[in-house]
Amino acid sequence: MSAVIYTILKEYFVEIHNHPVKARIMSPISDENVFVFQTSLYYKSKSHLDANQPASTFTSFANAERHLLQYLEEFQNTLDLGGEIAQGSNF
């Protein structure tokens, strides 16, 4: 499998229930029309066994940013309602 090199376009730093979360929007250098986001922590809902990982590929920076901010809000809401942070998902 070949390596993919990304350009980091924007980074966010937030704190959710005393957990520092770093998030970034990136684009592969080989395709400037693809955008992905990544977070340093993922939330785990009590009703799911696996971490709720965000959709990862978007066709515009604005869509990636909108989905990332929505994901961070859902993360906060999940922890407010008693959800947990998934283990081993740091970058």
Protein backbone atom coordinates (compact mmCIF):
# COMPACT_ATOMS: atom_id res chain seq x y z
CA MET A 1 0.00 0.00 0.00
CA SER A 2 1.39 3.41 -0.95
CA ALA A 3 1.65 6.28 1.49
CA VAL A 4 -0.60 9.31 1.12
CA ILE A 5 0.86 12.68 2.05
CA TYR A 6 -1.60 15.32 3.28
CA THR A 7 -1.46 19.08 3.53
CA ILE A 8 -3.00 20.33 6.77
CA LEU A 9 -5.24 23.23 5.87
CA LYS A 10 -6.69 24.15 9.26
CA GLU A 11 -6.37 22.94 12.85
CA TYR A 12 -8.80 23.35 15.73
CA PHE A 13 -8.20 22.85 19.44
CA VAL A 14 -11.22 22.38 21.73
CA GLU A 15 -11.83 21.02 25.19
CA ILE A 16 -14.81 18.72 25.69
CA HIS A 17 -15.51 17.69 29.28
CA ASN A 18 -11.88 18.36 30.25
CA HIS A 19 -10.59 16.29 27.31
CA PRO A 20 -8.40 18.23 24.89
CA VAL A 21 -9.43 17.42 21.33
CA LYS A 22 -7.36 18.38 18.31
CA ALA A 23 -9.07 18.36 14.93
CA ARG A 24 -7.70 19.08 11.49
CA ILE A 25 -8.89 19.44 7.93
CA MET A 26 -6.48 18.04 5.38
CA SER A 27 -6.17 17.47 1.65
CA PRO A 28 -3.95 14.91 -0.08
CA ILE A 29 -1.22 16.64 -2.06
CA SER A 30 -2.04 14.41 -5.04
CA ASP A 31 -5.70 15.59 -5.22
CA GLU A 32 -6.58 19.14 -4.23
CA ASN A 33 -10.32 18.46 -4.69
CA VAL A 34 -10.54 15.94 -1.83
CA PHE A 35 -10.82 17.01 1.82
CA VAL A 36 -10.83 14.90 4.97
CA PHE A 37 -11.02 15.68 8.64
CA GLN A 38 -9.49 13.86 11.56
CA THR A 39 -9.92 14.22 15.32
CA SER A 40 -7.55 13.14 18.07
CA LEU A 41 -10.39 11.55 20.09
CA TYR A 42 -13.63 9.86 19.06
CA TYR A 43 -16.76 9.51 21.11
CA LYS A 44 -18.36 6.18 21.87
CA SER A 45 -22.08 6.07 22.46
CA LYS A 46 -23.47 3.74 25.09
CA SER A 47 -25.68 2.16 22.43
CA HIS A 48 -22.81 1.32 20.06
CA LEU A 49 -19.82 -0.96 20.51
CA ASP A 50 -17.57 0.86 18.05
CA ALA A 51 -16.46 4.48 18.02
CA ASN A 52 -18.63 6.78 15.91
CA GLN A 53 -16.07 7.82 13.35
CA PRO A 54 -16.98 10.75 11.10
CA ALA A 55 -17.48 10.50 7.36
CA SER A 56 -14.05 11.25 6.00
CA THR A 57 -14.13 12.38 2.36
CA PHE A 58 -15.62 15.63 1.07
CA THR A 59 -15.42 17.53 -2.21
CA SER A 60 -15.03 21.01 -0.74
CA PHE A 61 -13.29 22.61 2.21
CA ALA A 62 -16.56 24.23 3.34
CA ASN A 63 -18.34 20.85 3.50
CA ALA A 64 -15.45 19.29 5.42
CA GLU A 65 -15.43 22.18 7.90
CA ARG A 66 -19.22 22.08 8.36
CA HIS A 67 -19.18 18.33 9.00
CA LEU A 68 -16.23 18.63 11.38
CA LEU A 69 -17.95 21.32 13.47
CA GLN A 70 -21.16 19.27 13.50
CA TYR A 71 -19.16 16.23 14.60
CA LEU A 72 -17.58 18.17 17.48
CA GLU A 73 -21.04 19.33 18.58
CA GLU A 74 -22.31 15.73 18.50
CA PHE A 75 -19.24 14.70 20.50
CA GLN A 76 -20.14 17.27 23.18
CA ASN A 77 -23.80 16.16 23.20
CA THR A 78 -22.85 12.49 23.50
CA LEU A 79 -20.64 13.14 26.52
CA ASP A 80 -23.35 15.35 28.03
CA LEU A 81 -25.72 12.37 27.84
CA GLY A 82 -23.27 9.92 29.42
CA GLY A 83 -21.38 8.67 26.36
CA GLU A 84 -17.71 7.71 26.50
CA ILE A 85 -14.52 8.44 24.64
CA ALA A 86 -13.25 5.60 22.51
CA GLN A 87 -9.85 4.29 23.61
CA GLY A 88 -6.76 4.28 21.42
CA SER A 89 -7.83 6.81 18.82
CA ASN A 90 -5.17 9.53 19.33
CA PHE A 91 -3.12 10.84 16.45
